[in-house]
Amino acid sequence: MKLPCSNLNAQYEFRKVDLVFEGNTYSDVFCQKNNKTVSETLKQKRYAKLKDETQIKYPTSADMPLGEFLLSLKSAGDPFYVRFLNKYGDLTYSIFRISDSGYLDSKGVYAYLCGGELKYIGRCKDSMKKRVNQGYGKIHPKNCFIDGQATNCHLNWRITAESSEVTLWLYELDLDAEIECVERELIGACN
């Protein structure tokens, strides 16, 4: 398949990679991050701006596991919890994966389409297994935070919302420099 880009000079032949969705959707993933306490988290540079306000408003929270603390705020209707999360960190996600073992070790440039319309172009310089099955396809609690993987959360949420219409396409390449070059060309031509 050729991408639906009117400004594209070169023609790249993408192959469809089937996605398998497992089970239902899930939310409140952030609350499962309990390997650090609130005080341990606030010592990190990315969270320093929240330290004073957290200590003043929630003085008994210091030793609470972070995820447990944030879920208690959310359950109480206190919007302060979202300040610890990236802007896609409290959405509804699903688990999906590439099932065809022939693509798991592949790398190259990939595209997500929804109803035939191009939604996202990205590059994979390691393996599609890592990029999709262990990245976009499974949101881990750490991904949800301001120092996590906002792109993983965003794409999983978009794919989850339109799962019946989403398709994944791959243009396989071996050389990292070539992958970067083709990705830049496609993003420039398709936006």
N, C-alpha and C. Protein backbone atom coordinates (compact mmCIF):
# COMPACT_ATOMS: atom_id res chain seq x y z
N MET A 1 0.83 -1.17 0.00
CA MET A 1 0.00 0.00 0.00
C MET A 1 0.89 1.24 0.00
N LYS A 2 0.48 2.22 -0.74
CA LYS A 2 1.17 3.50 -0.74
C LYS A 2 0.41 4.44 0.19
N LEU A 3 1.14 5.23 0.96
CA LEU A 3 0.49 6.13 1.91
C LEU A 3 -0.32 7.18 1.18
N PRO A 4 -1.45 7.58 1.76
CA PRO A 4 -2.29 8.61 1.15
C PRO A 4 -1.72 10.01 1.38
N CYS A 5 -0.61 10.33 0.69
CA CYS A 5 0.05 11.63 0.81
C CYS A 5 0.17 12.24 -0.58
N SER A 6 -0.49 13.34 -0.81
CA SER A 6 -0.47 13.94 -2.14
C SER A 6 0.87 14.62 -2.46
N ASN A 7 1.63 15.03 -1.46
CA ASN A 7 2.88 15.76 -1.69
C ASN A 7 4.11 14.87 -1.74
N LEU A 8 3.93 13.58 -1.77
CA LEU A 8 5.05 12.64 -1.69
C LEU A 8 5.63 12.38 -3.07
N ASN A 9 6.94 12.64 -3.22
CA ASN A 9 7.62 12.41 -4.50
C ASN A 9 7.92 10.93 -4.72
N ALA A 10 8.58 10.32 -3.74
CA ALA A 10 8.93 8.90 -3.86
C ALA A 10 7.73 8.04 -3.48
N GLN A 11 7.75 6.81 -3.93
CA GLN A 11 6.69 5.86 -3.58
C GLN A 11 7.27 4.77 -2.70
N TYR A 12 6.72 4.63 -1.53
CA TYR A 12 7.16 3.61 -0.60
C TYR A 12 6.04 2.61 -0.42
N GLU A 13 6.37 1.36 -0.57
CA GLU A 13 5.37 0.30 -0.47
C GLU A 13 5.33 -0.24 0.97
N PHE A 14 4.27 0.10 1.67
CA PHE A 14 4.08 -0.34 3.05
C PHE A 14 3.30 -1.65 3.07
N ARG A 15 3.62 -2.50 4.04
CA ARG A 15 2.89 -3.76 4.21
C ARG A 15 2.06 -3.69 5.49
N LYS A 16 0.88 -4.23 5.41
CA LYS A 16 -0.02 -4.23 6.57
C LYS A 16 0.49 -5.21 7.62
N VAL A 17 0.47 -4.75 8.87
CA VAL A 17 0.87 -5.58 10.01
C VAL A 17 -0.37 -5.69 10.90
N ASP A 18 -0.88 -6.90 11.04
CA ASP A 18 -2.10 -7.09 11.82
C ASP A 18 -1.86 -6.88 13.31
N LEU A 19 -2.80 -6.18 13.92
CA LEU A 19 -2.79 -5.98 15.37
C LEU A 19 -3.85 -6.87 16.00
N VAL A 20 -3.52 -7.45 17.13
CA VAL A 20 -4.45 -8.27 17.90
C VAL A 20 -4.73 -7.54 19.20
N PHE A 21 -6.01 -7.31 19.49
CA PHE A 21 -6.40 -6.65 20.73
C PHE A 21 -6.77 -7.70 21.76
N GLU A 22 -6.27 -7.52 22.97
CA GLU A 22 -6.48 -8.50 24.03
C GLU A 22 -7.38 -7.90 25.12
N GLY A 23 -8.50 -8.53 25.35
CA GLY A 23 -9.34 -8.15 26.48
C GLY A 23 -10.00 -6.80 26.35
N ASN A 24 -10.34 -6.27 27.50
CA ASN A 24 -11.09 -5.02 27.59
C ASN A 24 -10.16 -3.82 27.72
N THR A 25 -10.76 -2.66 27.77
CA THR A 25 -10.00 -1.44 28.03
C THR A 25 -9.74 -1.32 29.53
N TYR A 26 -8.79 -0.50 29.88
CA TYR A 26 -8.48 -0.29 31.29
C TYR A 26 -8.06 1.16 31.52
N SER A 27 -8.20 1.62 32.74
CA SER A 27 -7.87 3.00 33.08
C SER A 27 -7.22 3.04 34.46
N ASP A 28 -6.90 4.25 34.92
CA ASP A 28 -6.22 4.46 36.21
C ASP A 28 -4.91 3.67 36.29
N VAL A 29 -4.22 3.56 35.19
CA VAL A 29 -2.95 2.82 35.14
C VAL A 29 -1.93 3.46 36.08
N PHE A 30 -1.94 4.77 36.16
CA PHE A 30 -0.98 5.50 36.99
C PHE A 30 -0.98 5.03 38.44
N CYS A 31 -2.13 4.56 38.92
CA CYS A 31 -2.24 4.19 40.34
C CYS A 31 -1.44 2.94 40.68
N GLN A 32 -0.98 2.22 39.67
CA GLN A 32 -0.19 1.01 39.91
C GLN A 32 1.30 1.31 40.13
N LYS A 33 1.68 2.59 40.00
CA LYS A 33 3.08 2.96 40.23
C LYS A 33 3.29 3.17 41.72
N ASN A 34 3.74 2.14 42.38
CA ASN A 34 3.91 2.20 43.82
C ASN A 34 5.31 1.80 44.26
N ASN A 35 6.29 1.91 43.36
CA ASN A 35 7.66 1.58 43.72
C ASN A 35 8.39 2.74 44.38
N LYS A 36 7.75 3.91 44.43
CA LYS A 36 8.31 5.08 45.10
C LYS A 36 7.23 5.75 45.92
N THR A 37 7.67 6.37 47.01
CA THR A 37 6.73 7.14 47.83
C THR A 37 6.57 8.53 47.24
N VAL A 38 5.64 9.27 47.79
CA VAL A 38 5.43 10.66 47.37
C VAL A 38 6.71 11.46 47.61
N SER A 39 7.31 11.33 48.79
CA SER A 39 8.52 12.11 49.10
C SER A 39 9.69 11.74 48.19
N GLU A 40 9.85 10.46 47.86
CA GLU A 40 10.92 10.05 46.93
C GLU A 40 10.70 10.66 45.55
N THR A 41 9.46 10.70 45.12
CA THR A 41 9.14 11.27 43.81
C THR A 41 9.41 12.76 43.77
N LEU A 42 9.05 13.46 44.83
CA LEU A 42 9.22 14.92 44.87
C LEU A 42 10.68 15.35 44.91
N LYS A 43 11.59 14.44 45.18
CA LYS A 43 13.03 14.75 45.16
C LYS A 43 13.58 14.79 43.74
N GLN A 44 12.84 14.24 42.80
CA GLN A 44 13.28 14.22 41.41
C GLN A 44 13.04 15.58 40.76
N LYS A 45 13.94 15.95 39.88
CA LYS A 45 13.92 17.26 39.23
C LYS A 45 12.57 17.59 38.58
N ARG A 46 12.00 16.64 37.85
CA ARG A 46 10.75 16.90 37.12
C ARG A 46 9.57 17.19 38.04
N TYR A 47 9.67 16.79 39.31
CA TYR A 47 8.56 16.95 40.24
C TYR A 47 8.83 18.04 41.28
N ALA A 48 9.98 18.69 41.22
CA ALA A 48 10.36 19.70 42.21
C ALA A 48 9.33 20.83 42.32
N LYS A 49 8.73 21.19 41.22
CA LYS A 49 7.75 22.29 41.23
C LYS A 49 6.49 21.94 42.02
N LEU A 50 6.28 20.66 42.29
CA LEU A 50 5.09 20.22 43.03
C LEU A 50 5.37 20.01 44.52
N LYS A 51 6.63 20.08 44.90
CA LYS A 51 7.04 19.71 46.26
C LYS A 51 6.37 20.56 47.34
N ASP A 52 6.52 21.87 47.27
CA ASP A 52 5.98 22.74 48.33
C ASP A 52 4.47 22.60 48.46
N GLU A 53 3.79 22.66 47.34
CA GLU A 53 2.32 22.57 47.38
C GLU A 53 1.85 21.22 47.92
N THR A 54 2.54 20.16 47.54
CA THR A 54 2.17 18.83 48.03
C THR A 54 2.38 18.74 49.54
N GLN A 55 3.52 19.23 50.00
CA GLN A 55 3.81 19.15 51.44
C GLN A 55 2.85 19.99 52.27
N ILE A 56 2.41 21.12 51.73
CA ILE A 56 1.47 21.99 52.47
C ILE A 56 0.06 21.41 52.44
N LYS A 57 -0.42 21.03 51.26
CA LYS A 57 -1.80 20.55 51.13
C LYS A 57 -2.01 19.13 51.63
N TYR A 58 -0.96 18.31 51.57
CA TYR A 58 -1.10 16.88 51.90
C TYR A 58 0.05 16.45 52.83
N PRO A 59 0.13 17.01 54.02
CA PRO A 59 1.28 16.76 54.90
C PRO A 59 1.45 15.31 55.34
N THR A 60 0.41 14.52 55.29
CA THR A 60 0.53 13.12 55.73
C THR A 60 0.82 12.17 54.57
N SER A 61 1.04 12.71 53.39
CA SER A 61 1.21 11.86 52.20
C SER A 61 2.64 11.41 51.94
N ALA A 62 3.61 11.96 52.62
CA ALA A 62 5.03 11.74 52.30
C ALA A 62 5.42 10.27 52.14
N ASP A 63 4.92 9.42 53.01
CA ASP A 63 5.32 8.01 52.98
C ASP A 63 4.36 7.11 52.21
N MET A 64 3.35 7.71 51.61
CA MET A 64 2.40 6.92 50.82
C MET A 64 3.03 6.52 49.48
N PRO A 65 2.73 5.33 48.99
CA PRO A 65 3.13 4.99 47.62
C PRO A 65 2.48 5.99 46.65
N LEU A 66 3.24 6.43 45.67
CA LEU A 66 2.77 7.50 44.77
C LEU A 66 1.44 7.18 44.10
N GLY A 67 1.31 6.02 43.50
CA GLY A 67 0.08 5.67 42.80
C GLY A 67 -1.12 5.65 43.72
N GLU A 68 -0.94 5.12 44.91
CA GLU A 68 -2.02 5.07 45.90
C GLU A 68 -2.45 6.49 46.29
N PHE A 69 -1.48 7.38 46.49
CA PHE A 69 -1.76 8.77 46.82
C PHE A 69 -2.56 9.45 45.71
N LEU A 70 -2.11 9.30 44.48
CA LEU A 70 -2.80 9.96 43.36
C LEU A 70 -4.20 9.42 43.15
N LEU A 71 -4.38 8.12 43.30
CA LEU A 71 -5.73 7.55 43.16
C LEU A 71 -6.64 8.06 44.27
N SER A 72 -6.11 8.24 45.47
CA SER A 72 -6.95 8.78 46.56
C SER A 72 -7.39 10.20 46.24
N LEU A 73 -6.51 10.99 45.63
CA LEU A 73 -6.90 12.35 45.23
C LEU A 73 -7.97 12.31 44.14
N LYS A 74 -7.75 11.47 43.15
CA LYS A 74 -8.73 11.36 42.06
C LYS A 74 -10.08 10.92 42.60
N SER A 75 -10.08 9.92 43.47
CA SER A 75 -11.33 9.40 44.04
C SER A 75 -12.06 10.44 44.85
N ALA A 76 -11.30 11.37 45.45
CA ALA A 76 -11.90 12.44 46.25
C ALA A 76 -12.29 13.64 45.39
N GLY A 77 -12.06 13.56 44.08
CA GLY A 77 -12.41 14.66 43.18
C GLY A 77 -11.41 15.80 43.21
N ASP A 78 -10.21 15.55 43.70
CA ASP A 78 -9.16 16.57 43.79
C ASP A 78 -8.31 16.52 42.52
N PRO A 79 -8.38 17.56 41.67
CA PRO A 79 -7.68 17.53 40.39
C PRO A 79 -6.16 17.68 40.49
N PHE A 80 -5.63 17.89 41.69
CA PHE A 80 -4.19 18.06 41.85
C PHE A 80 -3.40 16.86 41.32
N TYR A 81 -3.98 15.68 41.37
CA TYR A 81 -3.28 14.46 40.95
C TYR A 81 -2.78 14.53 39.51
N VAL A 82 -3.51 15.24 38.64
CA VAL A 82 -3.12 15.25 37.22
C VAL A 82 -1.83 16.02 36.99
N ARG A 83 -1.41 16.83 37.93
CA ARG A 83 -0.17 17.59 37.77
C ARG A 83 1.06 16.68 37.80
N PHE A 84 0.91 15.47 38.30
CA PHE A 84 1.99 14.49 38.30
C PHE A 84 2.04 13.71 36.98
N LEU A 85 1.00 13.82 36.19
CA LEU A 85 0.84 13.00 34.98
C LEU A 85 1.10 13.82 33.72
N ASN A 86 1.49 13.12 32.65
CA ASN A 86 1.55 13.80 31.36
C ASN A 86 0.11 14.00 30.86
N LYS A 87 -0.08 14.78 29.82
CA LYS A 87 -1.45 15.14 29.43
C LYS A 87 -2.27 13.97 28.90
N TYR A 88 -1.63 12.83 28.65
CA TYR A 88 -2.34 11.63 28.21
C TYR A 88 -2.28 10.52 29.26
N GLY A 89 -1.88 10.87 30.48
CA GLY A 89 -1.61 9.88 31.51
C GLY A 89 -2.80 9.36 32.28
N ASP A 90 -3.99 9.90 32.04
CA ASP A 90 -5.18 9.42 32.75
C ASP A 90 -6.31 9.18 31.76
N LEU A 91 -6.02 8.34 30.79
CA LEU A 91 -7.01 8.04 29.76
C LEU A 91 -7.34 6.55 29.79
N THR A 92 -8.14 6.11 28.84
CA THR A 92 -8.51 4.70 28.73
C THR A 92 -7.63 4.05 27.67
N TYR A 93 -7.05 2.91 28.03
CA TYR A 93 -6.09 2.22 27.17
C TYR A 93 -6.55 0.79 26.91
N SER A 94 -5.84 0.15 26.00
CA SER A 94 -6.06 -1.27 25.74
C SER A 94 -4.71 -1.95 25.56
N ILE A 95 -4.74 -3.25 25.48
CA ILE A 95 -3.53 -4.01 25.20
C ILE A 95 -3.67 -4.57 23.79
N PHE A 96 -2.69 -4.27 22.96
CA PHE A 96 -2.67 -4.82 21.61
C PHE A 96 -1.24 -5.19 21.25
N ARG A 97 -1.12 -6.05 20.25
CA ARG A 97 0.21 -6.53 19.88
C ARG A 97 0.23 -6.96 18.42
N ILE A 98 1.44 -7.09 17.92
CA ILE A 98 1.67 -7.70 16.62
C ILE A 98 1.78 -9.20 16.87
N SER A 99 0.97 -9.97 16.19
CA SER A 99 1.02 -11.42 16.41
C SER A 99 1.89 -12.15 15.40
N ASP A 100 2.10 -11.58 14.23
CA ASP A 100 2.88 -12.22 13.18
C ASP A 100 4.37 -12.15 13.52
N SER A 101 4.95 -13.27 13.87
CA SER A 101 6.35 -13.31 14.28
C SER A 101 7.30 -12.83 13.18
N GLY A 102 6.84 -12.81 11.96
CA GLY A 102 7.65 -12.32 10.85
C GLY A 102 7.95 -10.84 10.92
N TYR A 103 7.19 -10.10 11.70
CA TYR A 103 7.40 -8.65 11.83
C TYR A 103 8.04 -8.24 13.15
N LEU A 104 8.12 -9.13 14.10
CA LEU A 104 8.58 -8.76 15.44
C LEU A 104 9.99 -8.19 15.46
N ASP A 105 10.88 -8.72 14.66
CA ASP A 105 12.26 -8.23 14.63
C ASP A 105 12.50 -7.19 13.55
N SER A 106 11.46 -6.82 12.83
CA SER A 106 11.60 -5.84 11.75
C SER A 106 11.81 -4.45 12.31
N LYS A 107 12.42 -3.61 11.48
CA LYS A 107 12.53 -2.19 11.81
C LYS A 107 12.28 -1.41 10.54
N GLY A 108 12.05 -0.11 10.68
CA GLY A 108 11.75 0.71 9.52
C GLY A 108 10.86 1.88 9.90
N VAL A 109 10.03 2.30 8.95
CA VAL A 109 9.09 3.40 9.17
C VAL A 109 7.69 2.79 9.17
N TYR A 110 6.89 3.20 10.14
CA TYR A 110 5.54 2.65 10.25
C TYR A 110 4.52 3.77 10.23
N ALA A 111 3.29 3.40 9.93
CA ALA A 111 2.20 4.37 9.87
C ALA A 111 0.94 3.74 10.45
N TYR A 112 0.23 4.54 11.22
CA TYR A 112 -1.10 4.14 11.70
C TYR A 112 -2.12 4.89 10.87
N LEU A 113 -3.10 4.14 10.35
CA LEU A 113 -4.20 4.74 9.62
C LEU A 113 -5.49 4.41 10.34
N CYS A 114 -6.45 5.29 10.23
CA CYS A 114 -7.77 5.05 10.80
C CYS A 114 -8.79 5.32 9.71
N GLY A 115 -9.53 4.28 9.35
CA GLY A 115 -10.49 4.42 8.27
C GLY A 115 -9.84 4.85 6.98
N GLY A 116 -8.60 4.45 6.76
CA GLY A 116 -7.87 4.80 5.55
C GLY A 116 -7.18 6.15 5.61
N GLU A 117 -7.38 6.91 6.68
CA GLU A 117 -6.76 8.23 6.82
C GLU A 117 -5.51 8.13 7.68
N LEU A 118 -4.42 8.70 7.19
CA LEU A 118 -3.16 8.67 7.91
C LEU A 118 -3.26 9.47 9.20
N LYS A 119 -2.87 8.84 10.31
CA LYS A 119 -2.94 9.50 11.61
C LYS A 119 -1.57 9.71 12.25
N TYR A 120 -0.61 8.82 11.96
CA TYR A 120 0.69 8.92 12.63
C TYR A 120 1.75 8.20 11.82
N ILE A 121 2.92 8.82 11.73
CA ILE A 121 4.09 8.21 11.12
C ILE A 121 5.19 8.19 12.17
N GLY A 122 5.87 7.07 12.28
CA GLY A 122 6.96 6.96 13.24
C GLY A 122 8.06 6.08 12.70
N ARG A 123 9.14 6.03 13.46
CA ARG A 123 10.26 5.20 13.05
C ARG A 123 10.57 4.18 14.13
N CYS A 124 11.11 3.08 13.71
CA CYS A 124 11.50 2.01 14.62
C CYS A 124 12.91 1.57 14.23
N LYS A 125 13.87 1.87 15.11
CA LYS A 125 15.26 1.52 14.81
C LYS A 125 15.73 0.31 15.62
N ASP A 126 14.85 -0.27 16.42
CA ASP A 126 15.24 -1.48 17.14
C ASP A 126 14.41 -2.67 16.67
N SER A 127 13.20 -2.84 17.16
CA SER A 127 12.32 -3.91 16.66
C SER A 127 10.87 -3.50 16.84
N MET A 128 10.03 -3.97 15.95
CA MET A 128 8.60 -3.67 16.07
C MET A 128 8.02 -4.32 17.33
N LYS A 129 8.60 -5.42 17.76
CA LYS A 129 8.16 -6.04 19.00
C LYS A 129 8.32 -5.06 20.16
N LYS A 130 9.48 -4.43 20.21
CA LYS A 130 9.73 -3.46 21.29
C LYS A 130 8.85 -2.22 21.12
N ARG A 131 8.74 -1.72 19.91
CA ARG A 131 7.99 -0.49 19.65
C ARG A 131 6.50 -0.67 19.90
N VAL A 132 5.93 -1.77 19.43
CA VAL A 132 4.48 -1.96 19.53
C VAL A 132 4.12 -2.83 20.73
N ASN A 133 4.58 -4.06 20.75
CA ASN A 133 4.15 -4.99 21.80
C ASN A 133 4.55 -4.54 23.20
N GLN A 134 5.72 -3.95 23.33
CA GLN A 134 6.19 -3.53 24.65
C GLN A 134 6.10 -2.03 24.85
N GLY A 135 5.68 -1.29 23.84
CA GLY A 135 5.61 0.17 23.93
C GLY A 135 4.18 0.67 23.80
N TYR A 136 3.77 0.96 22.57
CA TYR A 136 2.43 1.50 22.33
C TYR A 136 1.33 0.55 22.77
N GLY A 137 1.56 -0.72 22.65
CA GLY A 137 0.51 -1.72 22.88
C GLY A 137 0.25 -2.08 24.32
N LYS A 138 1.09 -1.64 25.23
CA LYS A 138 0.91 -1.95 26.66
C LYS A 138 1.40 -0.76 27.47
N ILE A 139 0.47 -0.02 28.03
CA ILE A 139 0.83 1.15 28.83
C ILE A 139 1.19 0.71 30.24
N HIS A 140 2.40 1.03 30.62
CA HIS A 140 2.90 0.73 31.96
C HIS A 140 2.69 1.96 32.84
N PRO A 141 2.53 1.78 34.14
CA PRO A 141 2.28 2.92 35.02
C PRO A 141 3.27 4.07 34.84
N LYS A 142 4.54 3.78 34.71
CA LYS A 142 5.56 4.83 34.57
C LYS A 142 5.31 5.70 33.35
N ASN A 143 4.73 5.13 32.29
CA ASN A 143 4.45 5.90 31.07
C ASN A 143 3.55 7.09 31.33
N CYS A 144 2.69 7.00 32.32
CA CYS A 144 1.64 7.98 32.55
C CYS A 144 2.12 9.28 33.19
N PHE A 145 3.31 9.29 33.72
CA PHE A 145 3.80 10.43 34.50
C PHE A 145 4.52 11.46 33.65
N ILE A 146 4.77 12.63 34.25
CA ILE A 146 5.38 13.72 33.49
C ILE A 146 6.78 13.37 32.99
N ASP A 147 7.42 12.40 33.60
CA ASP A 147 8.71 11.94 33.10
C ASP A 147 8.59 10.58 32.40
N GLY A 148 7.38 10.25 31.98
CA GLY A 148 7.11 8.98 31.30
C GLY A 148 7.04 9.13 29.80
N GLN A 149 6.29 8.26 29.15
CA GLN A 149 6.18 8.23 27.69
C GLN A 149 4.81 8.73 27.24
N ALA A 150 4.68 10.03 27.11
CA ALA A 150 3.40 10.62 26.70
C ALA A 150 2.96 10.12 25.32
N THR A 151 3.91 9.94 24.41
CA THR A 151 3.56 9.47 23.07
C THR A 151 2.94 8.08 23.12
N ASN A 152 3.50 7.19 23.95
CA ASN A 152 2.92 5.86 24.09
C ASN A 152 1.48 5.95 24.59
N CYS A 153 1.25 6.77 25.61
CA CYS A 153 -0.10 6.94 26.15
C CYS A 153 -1.05 7.51 25.10
N HIS A 154 -0.59 8.53 24.39
CA HIS A 154 -1.42 9.20 23.39
C HIS A 154 -1.81 8.24 22.27
N LEU A 155 -0.83 7.54 21.71
CA LEU A 155 -1.15 6.62 20.62
C LEU A 155 -2.03 5.46 21.07
N ASN A 156 -1.74 4.89 22.23
CA ASN A 156 -2.56 3.79 22.71
C ASN A 156 -4.00 4.26 22.89
N TRP A 157 -4.19 5.43 23.47
CA TRP A 157 -5.53 5.98 23.68
C TRP A 157 -6.25 6.18 22.34
N ARG A 158 -5.57 6.75 21.36
CA ARG A 158 -6.19 6.97 20.04
C ARG A 158 -6.53 5.65 19.36
N ILE A 159 -5.62 4.70 19.45
CA ILE A 159 -5.85 3.39 18.84
C ILE A 159 -6.99 2.67 19.55
N THR A 160 -7.03 2.77 20.86
CA THR A 160 -8.10 2.15 21.65
C THR A 160 -9.46 2.73 21.27
N ALA A 161 -9.52 4.04 21.13
CA ALA A 161 -10.79 4.71 20.82
C ALA A 161 -11.34 4.30 19.46
N GLU A 162 -10.47 3.93 18.54
CA GLU A 162 -10.90 3.61 17.18
C GLU A 162 -10.37 2.25 16.73
N SER A 163 -10.29 1.31 17.66
CA SER A 163 -9.62 0.03 17.39
C SER A 163 -10.17 -0.72 16.18
N SER A 164 -11.46 -0.64 15.93
CA SER A 164 -12.02 -1.38 14.79
C SER A 164 -11.63 -0.78 13.44
N GLU A 165 -11.19 0.47 13.44
CA GLU A 165 -10.84 1.16 12.20
C GLU A 165 -9.33 1.32 11.99
N VAL A 166 -8.52 0.96 13.00
CA VAL A 166 -7.08 1.23 12.96
C VAL A 166 -6.33 0.11 12.25
N THR A 167 -5.38 0.52 11.40
CA THR A 167 -4.47 -0.43 10.77
C THR A 167 -3.04 0.08 10.93
N LEU A 168 -2.12 -0.85 11.03
CA LEU A 168 -0.69 -0.55 11.15
C LEU A 168 0.00 -1.00 9.87
N TRP A 169 0.87 -0.13 9.35
CA TRP A 169 1.58 -0.42 8.10
C TRP A 169 3.08 -0.20 8.33
N LEU A 170 3.90 -1.01 7.67
CA LEU A 170 5.35 -0.94 7.88
C LEU A 170 6.09 -0.93 6.54
N TYR A 171 7.03 -0.02 6.44
CA TYR A 171 7.99 -0.01 5.33
C TYR A 171 9.32 -0.42 5.95
N GLU A 172 9.72 -1.65 5.68
CA GLU A 172 10.92 -2.21 6.32
C GLU A 172 12.20 -1.62 5.73
N LEU A 173 13.09 -1.25 6.64
CA LEU A 173 14.41 -0.74 6.28
C LEU A 173 15.41 -1.29 7.29
N ASP A 174 16.67 -1.38 6.90
CA ASP A 174 17.69 -1.91 7.80
C ASP A 174 18.59 -0.85 8.40
N LEU A 175 18.93 0.16 7.62
CA LEU A 175 19.89 1.17 8.06
C LEU A 175 19.21 2.30 8.83
N ASP A 176 19.74 2.60 10.01
CA ASP A 176 19.14 3.64 10.85
C ASP A 176 19.10 5.00 10.15
N ALA A 177 20.15 5.35 9.43
CA ALA A 177 20.18 6.64 8.73
C ALA A 177 19.09 6.69 7.67
N GLU A 178 18.86 5.59 6.98
CA GLU A 178 17.81 5.53 5.96
C GLU A 178 16.43 5.63 6.61
N ILE A 179 16.26 4.99 7.75
CA ILE A 179 14.99 5.06 8.48
C ILE A 179 14.67 6.51 8.84
N GLU A 180 15.66 7.22 9.37
CA GLU A 180 15.46 8.62 9.75
C GLU A 180 15.14 9.49 8.54
N CYS A 181 15.83 9.26 7.45
CA CYS A 181 15.63 10.04 6.23
C CYS A 181 14.22 9.84 5.67
N VAL A 182 13.79 8.59 5.57
CA VAL A 182 12.45 8.28 5.03
C VAL A 182 11.37 8.83 5.96
N GLU A 183 11.56 8.70 7.26
CA GLU A 183 10.57 9.24 8.20
C GLU A 183 10.42 10.75 8.02
N ARG A 184 11.55 11.46 7.95
CA ARG A 184 11.50 12.92 7.76
C ARG A 184 10.77 13.28 6.47
N GLU A 185 11.10 12.57 5.39
CA GLU A 185 10.46 12.84 4.10
C GLU A 185 8.95 12.61 4.19
N LEU A 186 8.55 11.51 4.80
CA LEU A 186 7.12 11.19 4.89
C LEU A 186 6.37 12.19 5.77
N ILE A 187 6.96 12.54 6.90
CA ILE A 187 6.29 13.51 7.78
C ILE A 187 6.15 14.84 7.07
N GLY A 188 7.20 15.27 6.37
CA GLY A 188 7.14 16.53 5.64
C GLY A 188 6.10 16.52 4.53
N ALA A 189 5.98 15.41 3.85
CA ALA A 189 5.06 15.31 2.71
C ALA A 189 3.61 15.07 3.13
N CYS A 190 3.43 14.45 4.26
CA CYS A 190 2.08 14.03 4.64
C CYS A 190 1.39 14.96 5.64
N ASN A 191 2.09 15.94 6.13
CA ASN A 191 1.46 16.89 7.09
C ASN A 191 0.95 18.12 6.38
